[in-house]
Amino acid sequence: MPPRDGAAIRKERIQMTLEIIRKQPGIHIGKIQIRMALKTGLTEKRVAQYVRQLVRGGVVVVDKNGGFRLADKTE
């Protein structure tokens, strides 16, 4: 098995983050950070950066209660 590079690891972790949000729409950042820390050891800051990038990219949106959910395909 070839060694994984940084981009592959990052992609895997972003996909994990999306899966957490997909399974629990409306989840708040603190819960996402805890789950990712338990799975990967990532810091709160790094998880927040991933979520911020997903929001900027339009893949994830912030709901009216401050939680996160996947964006509708029409948004």
PDB file of N, CA and C in Angstrom:
ATOM      1  N   MET A   1       0.854  -1.180   0.000  1.00  0.00           N
ATOM      2  CA  MET A   1       0.000   0.000   0.000  1.00  0.00           C
ATOM      3  C   MET A   1       0.895   1.236   0.000  1.00  0.00           C
ATOM      4  N   PRO A   2       0.698   2.131  -0.965  1.00  0.00           N
ATOM      5  CA  PRO A   2       1.536   3.337  -1.013  1.00  0.00           C
ATOM      6  C   PRO A   2       1.192   4.276   0.147  1.00  0.00           C
ATOM      7  N   PRO A   3       2.170   5.064   0.581  1.00  0.00           N
ATOM      8  CA  PRO A   3       1.893   6.011   1.667  1.00  0.00           C
ATOM      9  C   PRO A   3       0.888   7.073   1.210  1.00  0.00           C
ATOM     10  N   ARG A   4       0.054   7.493   2.134  1.00  0.00           N
ATOM     11  CA  ARG A   4      -0.937   8.532   1.799  1.00  0.00           C
ATOM     12  C   ARG A   4      -0.265   9.892   1.888  1.00  0.00           C
ATOM     13  N   ASP A   5      -0.591  10.754   0.951  1.00  0.00           N
ATOM     14  CA  ASP A   5      -0.044  12.106   1.010  1.00  0.00           C
ATOM     15  C   ASP A   5      -1.009  13.011   1.770  1.00  0.00           C
ATOM     16  N   GLY A   6      -0.578  14.233   2.026  1.00  0.00           N
ATOM     17  CA  GLY A   6      -1.378  15.176   2.803  1.00  0.00           C
ATOM     18  C   GLY A   6      -2.720  15.483   2.185  1.00  0.00           C
ATOM     19  N   ALA A   7      -2.768  15.580   0.865  1.00  0.00           N
ATOM     20  CA  ALA A   7      -4.031  15.888   0.185  1.00  0.00           C
ATOM     21  C   ALA A   7      -5.043  14.755   0.358  1.00  0.00           C
ATOM     22  N   ALA A   8      -4.577  13.523   0.295  1.00  0.00           N
ATOM     23  CA  ALA A   8      -5.474  12.378   0.463  1.00  0.00           C
ATOM     24  C   ALA A   8      -6.032  12.328   1.880  1.00  0.00           C
ATOM     25  N   ILE A   9      -5.189  12.608   2.850  1.00  0.00           N
ATOM     26  CA  ILE A   9      -5.628  12.621   4.249  1.00  0.00           C
ATOM     27  C   ILE A   9      -6.633  13.740   4.468  1.00  0.00           C
ATOM     28  N   ARG A  10      -6.357  14.924   3.924  1.00  0.00           N
ATOM     29  CA  ARG A  10      -7.254  16.072   4.063  1.00  0.00           C
ATOM     30  C   ARG A  10      -8.617  15.762   3.439  1.00  0.00           C
ATOM     31  N   LYS A  11      -8.604  15.180   2.245  1.00  0.00           N
ATOM     32  CA  LYS A  11      -9.851  14.825   1.569  1.00  0.00           C
ATOM     33  C   LYS A  11     -10.663  13.851   2.415  1.00  0.00           C
ATOM     34  N   GLU A  12     -10.010  12.862   2.970  1.00  0.00           N
ATOM     35  CA  GLU A  12     -10.662  11.869   3.824  1.00  0.00           C
ATOM     36  C   GLU A  12     -11.324  12.536   5.032  1.00  0.00           C
ATOM     37  N   ARG A  13     -10.619  13.468   5.646  1.00  0.00           N
ATOM     38  CA  ARG A  13     -11.130  14.152   6.833  1.00  0.00           C
ATOM     39  C   ARG A  13     -12.286  15.089   6.492  1.00  0.00           C
ATOM     40  N   ILE A  14     -12.216  15.751   5.357  1.00  0.00           N
ATOM     41  CA  ILE A  14     -13.329  16.605   4.933  1.00  0.00           C
ATOM     42  C   ILE A  14     -14.557  15.740   4.651  1.00  0.00           C
ATOM     43  N   GLN A  15     -14.360  14.593   4.045  1.00  0.00           N
ATOM     44  CA  GLN A  15     -15.473  13.687   3.792  1.00  0.00           C
ATOM     45  C   GLN A  15     -16.073  13.179   5.104  1.00  0.00           C
ATOM     46  N   MET A  16     -15.241  12.920   6.110  1.00  0.00           N
ATOM     47  CA  MET A  16     -15.738  12.525   7.432  1.00  0.00           C
ATOM     48  C   MET A  16     -16.597  13.633   8.033  1.00  0.00           C
ATOM     49  N   THR A  17     -16.135  14.862   7.891  1.00  0.00           N
ATOM     50  CA  THR A  17     -16.875  16.021   8.404  1.00  0.00           C
ATOM     51  C   THR A  17     -18.224  16.119   7.720  1.00  0.00           C
ATOM     52  N   LEU A  18     -18.249  15.975   6.409  1.00  0.00           N
ATOM     53  CA  LEU A  18     -19.508  16.019   5.663  1.00  0.00           C
ATOM     54  C   LEU A  18     -20.451  14.900   6.094  1.00  0.00           C
ATOM     55  N   GLU A  19     -19.920  13.735   6.355  1.00  0.00           N
ATOM     56  CA  GLU A  19     -20.745  12.603   6.779  1.00  0.00           C
ATOM     57  C   GLU A  19     -21.383  12.875   8.146  1.00  0.00           C
ATOM     58  N   ILE A  20     -20.634  13.481   9.049  1.00  0.00           N
ATOM     59  CA  ILE A  20     -21.177  13.855  10.358  1.00  0.00           C
ATOM     60  C   ILE A  20     -22.337  14.822  10.179  1.00  0.00           C
ATOM     61  N   ILE A  21     -22.152  15.822   9.331  1.00  0.00           N
ATOM     62  CA  ILE A  21     -23.197  16.831   9.092  1.00  0.00           C
ATOM     63  C   ILE A  21     -24.389  16.200   8.378  1.00  0.00           C
ATOM     64  N   ARG A  22     -24.143  15.302   7.439  1.00  0.00           N
ATOM     65  CA  ARG A  22     -25.226  14.640   6.711  1.00  0.00           C
ATOM     66  C   ARG A  22     -26.091  13.813   7.658  1.00  0.00           C
ATOM     67  N   LYS A  23     -25.460  13.109   8.588  1.00  0.00           N
ATOM     68  CA  LYS A  23     -26.189  12.247   9.509  1.00  0.00           C
ATOM     69  C   LYS A  23     -26.975  13.021  10.559  1.00  0.00           C
ATOM     70  N   GLN A  24     -26.522  14.226  10.883  1.00  0.00           N
ATOM     71  CA  GLN A  24     -27.202  15.019  11.910  1.00  0.00           C
ATOM     72  C   GLN A  24     -27.337  16.476  11.473  1.00  0.00           C
ATOM     73  N   PRO A  25     -28.283  16.757  10.576  1.00  0.00           N
ATOM     74  CA  PRO A  25     -28.484  18.146  10.138  1.00  0.00           C
ATOM     75  C   PRO A  25     -28.783  19.048  11.331  1.00  0.00           C
ATOM     76  N   GLY A  26     -28.202  20.233  11.321  1.00  0.00           N
ATOM     77  CA  GLY A  26     -28.405  21.175  12.417  1.00  0.00           C
ATOM     78  C   GLY A  26     -27.370  21.044  13.521  1.00  0.00           C
ATOM     79  N   ILE A  27     -26.404  20.170  13.340  1.00  0.00           N
ATOM     80  CA  ILE A  27     -25.366  19.954  14.349  1.00  0.00           C
ATOM     81  C   ILE A  27     -24.530  21.224  14.524  1.00  0.00           C
ATOM     82  N   HIS A  28     -24.142  21.497  15.750  1.00  0.00           N
ATOM     83  CA  HIS A  28     -23.340  22.684  16.039  1.00  0.00           C
ATOM     84  C   HIS A  28     -21.853  22.354  15.976  1.00  0.00           C
ATOM     85  N   ILE A  29     -21.057  23.390  15.794  1.00  0.00           N
ATOM     86  CA  ILE A  29     -19.616  23.222  15.569  1.00  0.00           C
ATOM     87  C   ILE A  29     -18.928  22.454  16.693  1.00  0.00           C
ATOM     88  N   GLY A  30     -19.332  22.692  17.923  1.00  0.00           N
ATOM     89  CA  GLY A  30     -18.700  22.007  19.054  1.00  0.00           C
ATOM     90  C   GLY A  30     -18.814  20.500  18.964  1.00  0.00           C
ATOM     91  N   LYS A  31     -19.970  20.017  18.565  1.00  0.00           N
ATOM     92  CA  LYS A  31     -20.175  18.568  18.430  1.00  0.00           C
ATOM     93  C   LYS A  31     -19.373  18.015  17.258  1.00  0.00           C
ATOM     94  N   ILE A  32     -19.312  18.777  16.175  1.00  0.00           N
ATOM     95  CA  ILE A  32     -18.505  18.339  15.032  1.00  0.00           C
ATOM     96  C   ILE A  32     -17.044  18.229  15.466  1.00  0.00           C
ATOM     97  N   GLN A  33     -16.569  19.221  16.191  1.00  0.00           N
ATOM     98  CA  GLN A  33     -15.174  19.239  16.635  1.00  0.00           C
ATOM     99  C   GLN A  33     -14.866  18.061  17.553  1.00  0.00           C
ATOM    100  N   ILE A  34     -15.766  17.759  18.475  1.00  0.00           N
ATOM    101  CA  ILE A  34     -15.544  16.633  19.389  1.00  0.00           C
ATOM    102  C   ILE A  34     -15.506  15.321  18.621  1.00  0.00           C
ATOM    103  N   ARG A  35     -16.446  15.120  17.722  1.00  0.00           N
ATOM    104  CA  ARG A  35     -16.489  13.862  16.960  1.00  0.00           C
ATOM    105  C   ARG A  35     -15.242  13.683  16.095  1.00  0.00           C
ATOM    106  N   MET A  36     -14.805  14.778  15.474  1.00  0.00           N
ATOM    107  CA  MET A  36     -13.603  14.689  14.644  1.00  0.00           C
ATOM    108  C   MET A  36     -12.358  14.481  15.498  1.00  0.00           C
ATOM    109  N   ALA A  37     -12.313  15.081  16.667  1.00  0.00           N
ATOM    110  CA  ALA A  37     -11.172  14.864  17.567  1.00  0.00           C
ATOM    111  C   ALA A  37     -11.101  13.402  17.982  1.00  0.00           C
ATOM    112  N   LEU A  38     -12.238  12.810  18.272  1.00  0.00           N
ATOM    113  CA  LEU A  38     -12.266  11.404  18.678  1.00  0.00           C
ATOM    114  C   LEU A  38     -11.863  10.474  17.530  1.00  0.00           C
ATOM    115  N   LYS A  39     -12.275  10.812  16.305  1.00  0.00           N
ATOM    116  CA  LYS A  39     -11.974   9.967  15.148  1.00  0.00           C
ATOM    117  C   LYS A  39     -10.547  10.144  14.638  1.00  0.00           C
ATOM    118  N   THR A  40     -10.065  11.405  14.638  1.00  0.00           N
ATOM    119  CA  THR A  40      -8.812  11.689  13.934  1.00  0.00           C
ATOM    120  C   THR A  40      -7.747  12.370  14.778  1.00  0.00           C
ATOM    121  N   GLY A  41      -8.156  12.960  15.898  1.00  0.00           N
ATOM    122  CA  GLY A  41      -7.203  13.718  16.705  1.00  0.00           C
ATOM    123  C   GLY A  41      -7.037  15.158  16.247  1.00  0.00           C
ATOM    124  N   LEU A  42      -7.863  15.595  15.292  1.00  0.00           N
ATOM    125  CA  LEU A  42      -7.755  16.972  14.802  1.00  0.00           C
ATOM    126  C   LEU A  42      -8.091  17.973  15.899  1.00  0.00           C
ATOM    127  N   THR A  43      -7.469  19.136  15.821  1.00  0.00           N
ATOM    128  CA  THR A  43      -7.751  20.194  16.774  1.00  0.00           C
ATOM    129  C   THR A  43      -9.055  20.898  16.415  1.00  0.00           C
ATOM    130  N   GLU A  44      -9.622  21.601  17.386  1.00  0.00           N
ATOM    131  CA  GLU A  44     -10.845  22.374  17.147  1.00  0.00           C
ATOM    132  C   GLU A  44     -10.629  23.383  16.030  1.00  0.00           C
ATOM    133  N   LYS A  45      -9.469  24.019  16.043  1.00  0.00           N
ATOM    134  CA  LYS A  45      -9.160  25.046  15.047  1.00  0.00           C
ATOM    135  C   LYS A  45      -9.179  24.464  13.629  1.00  0.00           C
ATOM    136  N   ARG A  46      -8.571  23.310  13.445  1.00  0.00           N
ATOM    137  CA  ARG A  46      -8.502  22.684  12.113  1.00  0.00           C
ATOM    138  C   ARG A  46      -9.894  22.267  11.641  1.00  0.00           C
ATOM    139  N   VAL A  47     -10.696  21.708  12.528  1.00  0.00           N
ATOM    140  CA  VAL A  47     -12.053  21.312  12.153  1.00  0.00           C
ATOM    141  C   VAL A  47     -12.862  22.547  11.765  1.00  0.00           C
ATOM    142  N   ALA A  48     -12.721  23.622  12.526  1.00  0.00           N
ATOM    143  CA  ALA A  48     -13.420  24.874  12.214  1.00  0.00           C
ATOM    144  C   ALA A  48     -13.001  25.385  10.840  1.00  0.00           C
ATOM    145  N   GLN A  49     -11.722  25.243  10.497  1.00  0.00           N
ATOM    146  CA  GLN A  49     -11.246  25.667   9.175  1.00  0.00           C
ATOM    147  C   GLN A  49     -11.904  24.837   8.081  1.00  0.00           C
ATOM    148  N   TYR A  50     -12.001  23.529   8.280  1.00  0.00           N
ATOM    149  CA  TYR A  50     -12.644  22.659   7.292  1.00  0.00           C
ATOM    150  C   TYR A  50     -14.106  23.057   7.100  1.00  0.00           C
ATOM    151  N   VAL A  51     -14.825  23.258   8.214  1.00  0.00           N
ATOM    152  CA  VAL A  51     -16.239  23.622   8.123  1.00  0.00           C
ATOM    153  C   VAL A  51     -16.400  24.976   7.444  1.00  0.00           C
ATOM    154  N   ARG A  52     -15.538  25.916   7.780  1.00  0.00           N
ATOM    155  CA  ARG A  52     -15.593  27.252   7.158  1.00  0.00           C
ATOM    156  C   ARG A  52     -15.391  27.146   5.645  1.00  0.00           C
ATOM    157  N   GLN A  53     -14.458  26.316   5.211  1.00  0.00           N
ATOM    158  CA  GLN A  53     -14.223  26.123   3.781  1.00  0.00           C
ATOM    159  C   GLN A  53     -15.437  25.501   3.095  1.00  0.00           C
ATOM    160  N   LEU A  54     -16.084  24.559   3.761  1.00  0.00           N
ATOM    161  CA  LEU A  54     -17.270  23.921   3.194  1.00  0.00           C
ATOM    162  C   LEU A  54     -18.418  24.916   3.069  1.00  0.00           C
ATOM    163  N   VAL A  55     -18.533  25.828   4.037  1.00  0.00           N
ATOM    164  CA  VAL A  55     -19.564  26.865   3.966  1.00  0.00           C
ATOM    165  C   VAL A  55     -19.248  27.823   2.825  1.00  0.00           C
ATOM    166  N   ARG A  56     -17.998  28.281   2.748  1.00  0.00           N
ATOM    167  CA  ARG A  56     -17.607  29.189   1.660  1.00  0.00           C
ATOM    168  C   ARG A  56     -17.826  28.555   0.296  1.00  0.00           C
ATOM    169  N   GLY A  57     -17.611  27.260   0.209  1.00  0.00           N
ATOM    170  CA  GLY A  57     -17.777  26.552  -1.054  1.00  0.00           C
ATOM    171  C   GLY A  57     -19.230  26.235  -1.390  1.00  0.00           C
ATOM    172  N   GLY A  58     -20.137  26.504  -0.458  1.00  0.00           N
ATOM    173  CA  GLY A  58     -21.546  26.268  -0.706  1.00  0.00           C
ATOM    174  C   GLY A  58     -22.001  24.835  -0.536  1.00  0.00           C
ATOM    175  N   VAL A  59     -21.146  24.000   0.019  1.00  0.00           N
ATOM    176  CA  VAL A  59     -21.488  22.594   0.231  1.00  0.00           C
ATOM    177  C   VAL A  59     -22.294  22.440   1.518  1.00  0.00           C
ATOM    178  N   VAL A  60     -21.993  23.285   2.501  1.00  0.00           N
ATOM    179  CA  VAL A  60     -22.652  23.282   3.806  1.00  0.00           C
ATOM    180  C   VAL A  60     -23.215  24.675   4.044  1.00  0.00           C
ATOM    181  N   VAL A  61     -24.366  24.743   4.690  1.00  0.00           N
ATOM    182  CA  VAL A  61     -24.965  26.034   5.041  1.00  0.00           C
ATOM    183  C   VAL A  61     -25.232  26.073   6.538  1.00  0.00           C
ATOM    184  N   VAL A  62     -25.311  27.303   7.055  1.00  0.00           N
ATOM    185  CA  VAL A  62     -25.643  27.518   8.461  1.00  0.00           C
ATOM    186  C   VAL A  62     -27.148  27.712   8.541  1.00  0.00           C
ATOM    187  N   ASP A  63     -27.813  26.946   9.417  1.00  0.00           N
ATOM    188  CA  ASP A  63     -29.261  27.109   9.535  1.00  0.00           C
ATOM    189  C   ASP A  63     -29.597  28.239  10.496  1.00  0.00           C
ATOM    190  N   LYS A  64     -30.875  28.513  10.658  1.00  0.00           N
ATOM    191  CA  LYS A  64     -31.304  29.654  11.476  1.00  0.00           C
ATOM    192  C   LYS A  64     -30.946  29.507  12.948  1.00  0.00           C
ATOM    193  N   ASN A  65     -30.647  28.298  13.407  1.00  0.00           N
ATOM    194  CA  ASN A  65     -30.269  28.068  14.802  1.00  0.00           C
ATOM    195  C   ASN A  65     -28.754  28.023  14.996  1.00  0.00           C
ATOM    196  N   GLY A  66     -28.013  28.320  13.951  1.00  0.00           N
ATOM    197  CA  GLY A  66     -26.551  28.322  14.052  1.00  0.00           C
ATOM    198  C   GLY A  66     -25.904  26.971  13.838  1.00  0.00           C
ATOM    199  N   GLY A  67     -26.717  25.975  13.467  1.00  0.00           N
ATOM    200  CA  GLY A  67     -26.175  24.646  13.177  1.00  0.00           C
ATOM    201  C   GLY A  67     -25.814  24.526  11.709  1.00  0.00           C
ATOM    202  N   PHE A  68     -25.242  23.410  11.353  1.00  0.00           N
ATOM    203  CA  PHE A  68     -24.811  23.186   9.985  1.00  0.00           C
ATOM    204  C   PHE A  68     -25.604  22.053   9.356  1.00  0.00           C
ATOM    205  N   ARG A  69     -25.855  22.186   8.056  1.00  0.00           N
ATOM    206  CA  ARG A  69     -26.501  21.135   7.285  1.00  0.00           C
ATOM    207  C   ARG A  69     -25.955  21.200   5.864  1.00  0.00           C
ATOM    208  N   LEU A  70     -26.135  20.102   5.144  1.00  0.00           N
ATOM    209  CA  LEU A  70     -25.714  20.098   3.754  1.00  0.00           C
ATOM    210  C   LEU A  70     -26.616  21.033   2.963  1.00  0.00           C
ATOM    211  N   ALA A  71     -26.036  21.708   2.004  1.00  0.00           N
ATOM    212  CA  ALA A  71     -26.805  22.626   1.162  1.00  0.00           C
ATOM    213  C   ALA A  71     -27.708  21.824   0.235  1.00  0.00           C
ATOM    214  N   ASP A  72     -28.870  22.380  -0.041  1.00  0.00           N
ATOM    215  CA  ASP A  72     -29.751  21.785  -1.049  1.00  0.00           C
ATOM    216  C   ASP A  72     -29.076  21.963  -2.392  1.00  0.00           C
ATOM    217  N   LYS A  73     -29.349  21.073  -3.295  1.00  0.00           N
ATOM    218  CA  LYS A  73     -28.743  21.161  -4.626  1.00  0.00           C
ATOM    219  C   LYS A  73     -29.171  22.415  -5.371  1.00  0.00           C
ATOM    220  N   THR A  74     -30.301  22.986  -4.976  1.00  0.00           N
ATOM    221  CA  THR A  74     -30.807  24.188  -5.654  1.00  0.00           C
ATOM    222  C   THR A  74     -30.257  25.478  -5.072  1.00  0.00           C
ATOM    223  N   GLU A  75     -29.563  25.393  -3.923  1.00  0.00           N
ATOM    224  CA  GLU A  75     -29.048  26.611  -3.279  1.00  0.00           C
ATOM    225  C   GLU A  75     -27.798  27.091  -3.946  1.00  0.00           C
TER     226      GLU A  75
END
